[in-house]
Amino acid sequence: MLKAKDLINESDEELSLKLDTLQKEIYALRGQKLDAKTQKIHLVSEKKKEVARILTIKRERELLKREP
């Protein structure tokens, strides 16, 4: 699980890469869930929370850049 304090130290490029990876994992897990190939259904919600953490950090950085 990714922690917010660990993500803050990463660059925007690294965050974007992690975001893409997580979104692909979510897509794959949803497919497995529909096919009943996995018992780890809880991973979808964990990955979604990690995506939200990354998006929050990216938004905070964007807002800090705008401030005079």
PDB file of N, CA and C in Angstrom:
ATOM      1  N   MET A   1       0.844  -1.170   0.000  1.00  0.00           N
ATOM      2  CA  MET A   1       0.000   0.000   0.000  1.00  0.00           C
ATOM      3  C   MET A   1       0.895   1.240   0.000  1.00  0.00           C
ATOM      4  N   LEU A   2       0.528   2.189  -0.824  1.00  0.00           N
ATOM      5  CA  LEU A   2       1.284   3.427  -0.922  1.00  0.00           C
ATOM      6  C   LEU A   2       0.819   4.407   0.145  1.00  0.00           C
ATOM      7  N   LYS A   3       1.762   5.020   0.813  1.00  0.00           N
ATOM      8  CA  LYS A   3       1.458   6.014   1.838  1.00  0.00           C
ATOM      9  C   LYS A   3       1.642   7.400   1.241  1.00  0.00           C
ATOM     10  N   ALA A   4       0.832   8.339   1.687  1.00  0.00           N
ATOM     11  CA  ALA A   4       0.884   9.699   1.160  1.00  0.00           C
ATOM     12  C   ALA A   4       2.237  10.344   1.431  1.00  0.00           C
ATOM     13  N   LYS A   5       2.791  10.106   2.597  1.00  0.00           N
ATOM     14  CA  LYS A   5       4.077  10.737   2.919  1.00  0.00           C
ATOM     15  C   LYS A   5       5.196  10.204   2.035  1.00  0.00           C
ATOM     16  N   ASP A   6       5.084   8.985   1.551  1.00  0.00           N
ATOM     17  CA  ASP A   6       6.074   8.444   0.627  1.00  0.00           C
ATOM     18  C   ASP A   6       5.892   9.023  -0.776  1.00  0.00           C
ATOM     19  N   LEU A   7       4.655   9.251  -1.151  1.00  0.00           N
ATOM     20  CA  LEU A   7       4.360   9.765  -2.486  1.00  0.00           C
ATOM     21  C   LEU A   7       4.749  11.227  -2.645  1.00  0.00           C
ATOM     22  N   ILE A   8       4.722  11.978  -1.572  1.00  0.00           N
ATOM     23  CA  ILE A   8       5.034  13.404  -1.640  1.00  0.00           C
ATOM     24  C   ILE A   8       6.461  13.628  -2.143  1.00  0.00           C
ATOM     25  N   ASN A   9       7.367  12.733  -1.820  1.00  0.00           N
ATOM     26  CA  ASN A   9       8.769  12.883  -2.197  1.00  0.00           C
ATOM     27  C   ASN A   9       9.061  12.487  -3.644  1.00  0.00           C
ATOM     28  N   GLU A  10       8.086  11.964  -4.352  1.00  0.00           N
ATOM     29  CA  GLU A  10       8.311  11.510  -5.717  1.00  0.00           C
ATOM     30  C   GLU A  10       8.001  12.624  -6.716  1.00  0.00           C
ATOM     31  N   SER A  11       8.609  12.534  -7.880  1.00  0.00           N
ATOM     32  CA  SER A  11       8.414  13.555  -8.907  1.00  0.00           C
ATOM     33  C   SER A  11       7.053  13.362  -9.584  1.00  0.00           C
ATOM     34  N   ASP A  12       6.665  14.374 -10.351  1.00  0.00           N
ATOM     35  CA  ASP A  12       5.390  14.302 -11.068  1.00  0.00           C
ATOM     36  C   ASP A  12       5.397  13.162 -12.089  1.00  0.00           C
ATOM     37  N   GLU A  13       6.529  12.943 -12.719  1.00  0.00           N
ATOM     38  CA  GLU A  13       6.633  11.863 -13.705  1.00  0.00           C
ATOM     39  C   GLU A  13       6.456  10.496 -13.051  1.00  0.00           C
ATOM     40  N   GLU A  14       7.085  10.310 -11.906  1.00  0.00           N
ATOM     41  CA  GLU A  14       6.951   9.036 -11.191  1.00  0.00           C
ATOM     42  C   GLU A  14       5.507   8.816 -10.748  1.00  0.00           C
ATOM     43  N   LEU A  15       4.866   9.895 -10.294  1.00  0.00           N
ATOM     44  CA  LEU A  15       3.468   9.776  -9.878  1.00  0.00           C
ATOM     45  C   LEU A  15       2.575   9.411 -11.060  1.00  0.00           C
ATOM     46  N   SER A  16       2.842  10.004 -12.208  1.00  0.00           N
ATOM     47  CA  SER A  16       2.054   9.695 -13.405  1.00  0.00           C
ATOM     48  C   SER A  16       2.235   8.237 -13.818  1.00  0.00           C
ATOM     49  N   LEU A  17       3.462   7.744 -13.721  1.00  0.00           N
ATOM     50  CA  LEU A  17       3.718   6.341 -14.055  1.00  0.00           C
ATOM     51  C   LEU A  17       2.987   5.402 -13.090  1.00  0.00           C
ATOM     52  N   LYS A  18       3.043   5.728 -11.810  1.00  0.00           N
ATOM     53  CA  LYS A  18       2.344   4.895 -10.819  1.00  0.00           C
ATOM     54  C   LYS A  18       0.840   4.940 -11.042  1.00  0.00           C
ATOM     55  N   LEU A  19       0.341   6.115 -11.406  1.00  0.00           N
ATOM     56  CA  LEU A  19      -1.090   6.267 -11.663  1.00  0.00           C
ATOM     57  C   LEU A  19      -1.516   5.393 -12.838  1.00  0.00           C
ATOM     58  N   ASP A  20      -0.752   5.420 -13.922  1.00  0.00           N
ATOM     59  CA  ASP A  20      -1.064   4.577 -15.077  1.00  0.00           C
ATOM     60  C   ASP A  20      -1.031   3.102 -14.711  1.00  0.00           C
ATOM     61  N   THR A  21      -0.016   2.709 -13.966  1.00  0.00           N
ATOM     62  CA  THR A  21       0.119   1.312 -13.558  1.00  0.00           C
ATOM     63  C   THR A  21      -1.069   0.870 -12.699  1.00  0.00           C
ATOM     64  N   LEU A  22      -1.440   1.718 -11.744  1.00  0.00           N
ATOM     65  CA  LEU A  22      -2.563   1.371 -10.869  1.00  0.00           C
ATOM     66  C   LEU A  22      -3.867   1.257 -11.645  1.00  0.00           C
ATOM     67  N   GLN A  23      -4.077   2.153 -12.604  1.00  0.00           N
ATOM     68  CA  GLN A  23      -5.307   2.102 -13.385  1.00  0.00           C
ATOM     69  C   GLN A  23      -5.364   0.835 -14.228  1.00  0.00           C
ATOM     70  N   LYS A  24      -4.226   0.403 -14.747  1.00  0.00           N
ATOM     71  CA  LYS A  24      -4.187  -0.854 -15.501  1.00  0.00           C
ATOM     72  C   LYS A  24      -4.449  -2.043 -14.583  1.00  0.00           C
ATOM     73  N   GLU A  25      -3.910  -1.998 -13.367  1.00  0.00           N
ATOM     74  CA  GLU A  25      -4.149  -3.076 -12.408  1.00  0.00           C
ATOM     75  C   GLU A  25      -5.627  -3.150 -12.029  1.00  0.00           C
ATOM     76  N   ILE A  26      -6.249  -1.999 -11.837  1.00  0.00           N
ATOM     77  CA  ILE A  26      -7.671  -1.976 -11.502  1.00  0.00           C
ATOM     78  C   ILE A  26      -8.482  -2.597 -12.631  1.00  0.00           C
ATOM     79  N   TYR A  27      -8.150  -2.235 -13.864  1.00  0.00           N
ATOM     80  CA  TYR A  27      -8.853  -2.785 -15.023  1.00  0.00           C
ATOM     81  C   TYR A  27      -8.714  -4.309 -15.064  1.00  0.00           C
ATOM     82  N   ALA A  28      -7.492  -4.787 -14.835  1.00  0.00           N
ATOM     83  CA  ALA A  28      -7.254  -6.236 -14.854  1.00  0.00           C
ATOM     84  C   ALA A  28      -7.993  -6.933 -13.716  1.00  0.00           C
ATOM     85  N   LEU A  29      -7.988  -6.331 -12.534  1.00  0.00           N
ATOM     86  CA  LEU A  29      -8.673  -6.940 -11.389  1.00  0.00           C
ATOM     87  C   LEU A  29     -10.179  -6.994 -11.606  1.00  0.00           C
ATOM     88  N   ARG A  30     -10.724  -5.959 -12.231  1.00  0.00           N
ATOM     89  CA  ARG A  30     -12.161  -5.975 -12.526  1.00  0.00           C
ATOM     90  C   ARG A  30     -12.498  -7.104 -13.480  1.00  0.00           C
ATOM     91  N   GLY A  31     -11.638  -7.304 -14.475  1.00  0.00           N
ATOM     92  CA  GLY A  31     -11.859  -8.405 -15.413  1.00  0.00           C
ATOM     93  C   GLY A  31     -11.786  -9.751 -14.723  1.00  0.00           C
ATOM     94  N   GLN A  32     -10.830  -9.907 -13.825  1.00  0.00           N
ATOM     95  CA  GLN A  32     -10.705 -11.159 -13.083  1.00  0.00           C
ATOM     96  C   GLN A  32     -11.905 -11.371 -12.170  1.00  0.00           C
ATOM     97  N   LYS A  33     -12.403 -10.269 -11.618  1.00  0.00           N
ATOM     98  CA  LYS A  33     -13.561 -10.374 -10.728  1.00  0.00           C
ATOM     99  C   LYS A  33     -14.786 -10.850 -11.504  1.00  0.00           C
ATOM    100  N   LEU A  34     -14.942 -10.326 -12.715  1.00  0.00           N
ATOM    101  CA  LEU A  34     -16.084 -10.731 -13.531  1.00  0.00           C
ATOM    102  C   LEU A  34     -15.976 -12.188 -13.965  1.00  0.00           C
ATOM    103  N   ASP A  35     -14.762 -12.635 -14.224  1.00  0.00           N
ATOM    104  CA  ASP A  35     -14.548 -14.020 -14.640  1.00  0.00           C
ATOM    105  C   ASP A  35     -14.433 -14.969 -13.460  1.00  0.00           C
ATOM    106  N   ALA A  36     -14.511 -14.435 -12.252  1.00  0.00           N
ATOM    107  CA  ALA A  36     -14.392 -15.215 -11.015  1.00  0.00           C
ATOM    108  C   ALA A  36     -13.050 -15.945 -10.950  1.00  0.00           C
ATOM    109  N   LYS A  37     -11.976 -15.279 -11.400  1.00  0.00           N
ATOM    110  CA  LYS A  37     -10.647 -15.876 -11.379  1.00  0.00           C
ATOM    111  C   LYS A  37      -9.844 -15.487 -10.151  1.00  0.00           C
ATOM    112  N   THR A  38     -10.364 -14.591  -9.348  1.00  0.00           N
ATOM    113  CA  THR A  38      -9.589 -14.138  -8.202  1.00  0.00           C
ATOM    114  C   THR A  38     -10.429 -14.169  -6.929  1.00  0.00           C
ATOM    115  N   GLN A  39      -9.753 -14.364  -5.843  1.00  0.00           N
ATOM    116  CA  GLN A  39     -10.392 -14.306  -4.531  1.00  0.00           C
ATOM    117  C   GLN A  39     -10.097 -12.975  -3.858  1.00  0.00           C
ATOM    118  N   LYS A  40      -9.268 -12.159  -4.489  1.00  0.00           N
ATOM    119  CA  LYS A  40      -8.791 -10.915  -3.887  1.00  0.00           C
ATOM    120  C   LYS A  40      -9.568  -9.707  -4.405  1.00  0.00           C
ATOM    121  N   ILE A  41     -10.850  -9.724  -4.223  1.00  0.00           N
ATOM    122  CA  ILE A  41     -11.713  -8.656  -4.697  1.00  0.00           C
ATOM    123  C   ILE A  41     -11.414  -7.347  -3.967  1.00  0.00           C
ATOM    124  N   HIS A  42     -10.944  -7.417  -2.740  1.00  0.00           N
ATOM    125  CA  HIS A  42     -10.659  -6.227  -1.945  1.00  0.00           C
ATOM    126  C   HIS A  42      -9.543  -5.380  -2.544  1.00  0.00           C
ATOM    127  N   LEU A  43      -8.734  -5.948  -3.415  1.00  0.00           N
ATOM    128  CA  LEU A  43      -7.629  -5.206  -4.011  1.00  0.00           C
ATOM    129  C   LEU A  43      -8.112  -4.053  -4.884  1.00  0.00           C
ATOM    130  N   VAL A  44      -9.296  -4.193  -5.469  1.00  0.00           N
ATOM    131  CA  VAL A  44      -9.836  -3.129  -6.315  1.00  0.00           C
ATOM    132  C   VAL A  44     -10.027  -1.856  -5.489  1.00  0.00           C
ATOM    133  N   SER A  45     -10.627  -1.970  -4.334  1.00  0.00           N
ATOM    134  CA  SER A  45     -10.862  -0.781  -3.514  1.00  0.00           C
ATOM    135  C   SER A  45      -9.548  -0.204  -2.981  1.00  0.00           C
ATOM    136  N   GLU A  46      -8.587  -1.060  -2.659  1.00  0.00           N
ATOM    137  CA  GLU A  46      -7.277  -0.567  -2.203  1.00  0.00           C
ATOM    138  C   GLU A  46      -6.574   0.213  -3.308  1.00  0.00           C
ATOM    139  N   LYS A  47      -6.616  -0.305  -4.518  1.00  0.00           N
ATOM    140  CA  LYS A  47      -5.969   0.362  -5.649  1.00  0.00           C
ATOM    141  C   LYS A  47      -6.662   1.691  -5.952  1.00  0.00           C
ATOM    142  N   LYS A  48      -7.980   1.725  -5.824  1.00  0.00           N
ATOM    143  CA  LYS A  48      -8.715   2.969  -6.055  1.00  0.00           C
ATOM    144  C   LYS A  48      -8.326   4.039  -5.042  1.00  0.00           C
ATOM    145  N   LYS A  49      -8.095   3.631  -3.810  1.00  0.00           N
ATOM    146  CA  LYS A  49      -7.665   4.576  -2.778  1.00  0.00           C
ATOM    147  C   LYS A  49      -6.270   5.101  -3.073  1.00  0.00           C
ATOM    148  N   GLU A  50      -5.404   4.239  -3.591  1.00  0.00           N
ATOM    149  CA  GLU A  50      -4.058   4.664  -3.950  1.00  0.00           C
ATOM    150  C   GLU A  50      -4.101   5.664  -5.104  1.00  0.00           C
ATOM    151  N   VAL A  51      -4.990   5.421  -6.064  1.00  0.00           N
ATOM    152  CA  VAL A  51      -5.171   6.367  -7.171  1.00  0.00           C
ATOM    153  C   VAL A  51      -5.628   7.714  -6.628  1.00  0.00           C
ATOM    154  N   ALA A  52      -6.549   7.699  -5.690  1.00  0.00           N
ATOM    155  CA  ALA A  52      -7.047   8.944  -5.098  1.00  0.00           C
ATOM    156  C   ALA A  52      -5.930   9.688  -4.372  1.00  0.00           C
ATOM    157  N   ARG A  53      -5.047   8.969  -3.682  1.00  0.00           N
ATOM    158  CA  ARG A  53      -3.919   9.613  -3.000  1.00  0.00           C
ATOM    159  C   ARG A  53      -3.006  10.319  -4.005  1.00  0.00           C
ATOM    160  N   ILE A  54      -2.711   9.631  -5.096  1.00  0.00           N
ATOM    161  CA  ILE A  54      -1.836  10.213  -6.110  1.00  0.00           C
ATOM    162  C   ILE A  54      -2.472  11.448  -6.734  1.00  0.00           C
ATOM    163  N   LEU A  55      -3.753  11.351  -7.069  1.00  0.00           N
ATOM    164  CA  LEU A  55      -4.440  12.494  -7.667  1.00  0.00           C
ATOM    165  C   LEU A  55      -4.510  13.677  -6.703  1.00  0.00           C
ATOM    166  N   THR A  56      -4.678  13.399  -5.434  1.00  0.00           N
ATOM    167  CA  THR A  56      -4.709  14.466  -4.429  1.00  0.00           C
ATOM    168  C   THR A  56      -3.375  15.178  -4.345  1.00  0.00           C
ATOM    169  N   ILE A  57      -2.286  14.430  -4.346  1.00  0.00           N
ATOM    170  CA  ILE A  57      -0.960  15.031  -4.276  1.00  0.00           C
ATOM    171  C   ILE A  57      -0.681  15.856  -5.533  1.00  0.00           C
ATOM    172  N   LYS A  58      -1.068  15.334  -6.690  1.00  0.00           N
ATOM    173  CA  LYS A  58      -0.863  16.085  -7.927  1.00  0.00           C
ATOM    174  C   LYS A  58      -1.667  17.390  -7.915  1.00  0.00           C
ATOM    175  N   ARG A  59      -2.874  17.343  -7.405  1.00  0.00           N
ATOM    176  CA  ARG A  59      -3.711  18.544  -7.329  1.00  0.00           C
ATOM    177  C   ARG A  59      -3.132  19.559  -6.349  1.00  0.00           C
ATOM    178  N   GLU A  60      -2.637  19.092  -5.218  1.00  0.00           N
ATOM    179  CA  GLU A  60      -2.021  19.989  -4.240  1.00  0.00           C
ATOM    180  C   GLU A  60      -0.822  20.708  -4.848  1.00  0.00           C
ATOM    181  N   ARG A  61      -0.016  19.982  -5.601  1.00  0.00           N
ATOM    182  CA  ARG A  61       1.149  20.591  -6.246  1.00  0.00           C
ATOM    183  C   ARG A  61       0.715  21.630  -7.282  1.00  0.00           C
ATOM    184  N   GLU A  62      -0.330  21.310  -8.010  1.00  0.00           N
ATOM    185  CA  GLU A  62      -0.844  22.238  -9.013  1.00  0.00           C
ATOM    186  C   GLU A  62      -1.314  23.531  -8.356  1.00  0.00           C
ATOM    187  N   LEU A  63      -2.006  23.417  -7.243  1.00  0.00           N
ATOM    188  CA  LEU A  63      -2.501  24.598  -6.541  1.00  0.00           C
ATOM    189  C   LEU A  63      -1.364  25.419  -5.943  1.00  0.00           C
ATOM    190  N   LEU A  64      -0.317  24.745  -5.468  1.00  0.00           N
ATOM    191  CA  LEU A  64       0.833  25.470  -4.923  1.00  0.00           C
ATOM    192  C   LEU A  64       1.572  26.272  -5.997  1.00  0.00           C
ATOM    193  N   LYS A  65       1.603  25.748  -7.203  1.00  0.00           N
ATOM    194  CA  LYS A  65       2.271  26.449  -8.310  1.00  0.00           C
ATOM    195  C   LYS A  65       1.506  27.719  -8.704  1.00  0.00           C
ATOM    196  N   ARG A  66       0.203  27.720  -8.532  1.00  0.00           N
ATOM    197  CA  ARG A  66      -0.636  28.872  -8.910  1.00  0.00           C
ATOM    198  C   ARG A  66      -0.524  30.027  -7.930  1.00  0.00           C
ATOM    199  N   GLU A  67      -0.273  29.717  -6.681  1.00  0.00           N
ATOM    200  CA  GLU A  67      -0.258  30.775  -5.667  1.00  0.00           C
ATOM    201  C   GLU A  67       0.866  31.764  -5.925  1.00  0.00           C
ATOM    202  N   PRO A  68       0.576  33.067  -5.736  1.00  0.00           N
ATOM    203  CA  PRO A  68       1.599  34.088  -5.976  1.00  0.00           C
ATOM    204  C   PRO A  68       2.662  34.132  -4.894  1.00  0.00           C
TER     205      PRO A  68
END
